[in-house]
Amino acid sequence: MKIIRYLLLIVACAILQAGIFPYLKVYGAGPDLLLVMGGISHFLFVWPVSLFLSIFAGVLKDVLSLSGFGLHTGLFVAWSFCVRYLNRHIAIETDRLRVGVMAIILVLNAVITGSISVLRGTAIPWPRFLSMIAVQTLYSLLLLPNVIRFSRMSLTLSWKIRLPMFSFRKNNES
């Protein structure tokens, strides 16, 4: 059940990334929510499940982006293996370490995808390229704690939602 909830959360982030965040770009760069969701899955699920969720997020990113198909899926799988290797050697238990790992992944992913777009013929001046990488990384990192909090909340949410203002108890005040 948690996997289905997380898949729905990835789809919701894909809709946000493709529908709302293009209008909220800062200096031509928006957050990479699907990469964040693919990265967070390694800290919330076991290895085969997190690899599947990362591949799913990569495929969604490939479908929604204009770059070559398979680029983001391949990068998301590579980041999955890197996080797994790193997690074997260093215990990534605190949120600060997780944010640090995600920051490194976000910077490297932005550099690799930007370099590939430059190699494919897109002419981007060097200062603009560096500023877009910095802004995209910072934008994603600003949203990262909220995405982590929301994903944990959605995974631990029970189906019985109790709202105090809608309680149907009889009031015994006389």
Foldseek 3Di string as FASTA:
>chain_A
DLLVLLLVVLVVVLCCVLPPQVVVDDLRAGEDVLLLSLLVLPVVDPQVSSLVSLLSSQQSVQVRDDDDHPPSSVLSNVLSVVVVVVCVVDPPDDVVSSLVSSLVSLLVVLVVVLVVVVVVPDDDDPVSSVVNSVRRSVNNSVCNVVSSVVSVCSSPDDPDDDDVVPDPDDDPDD
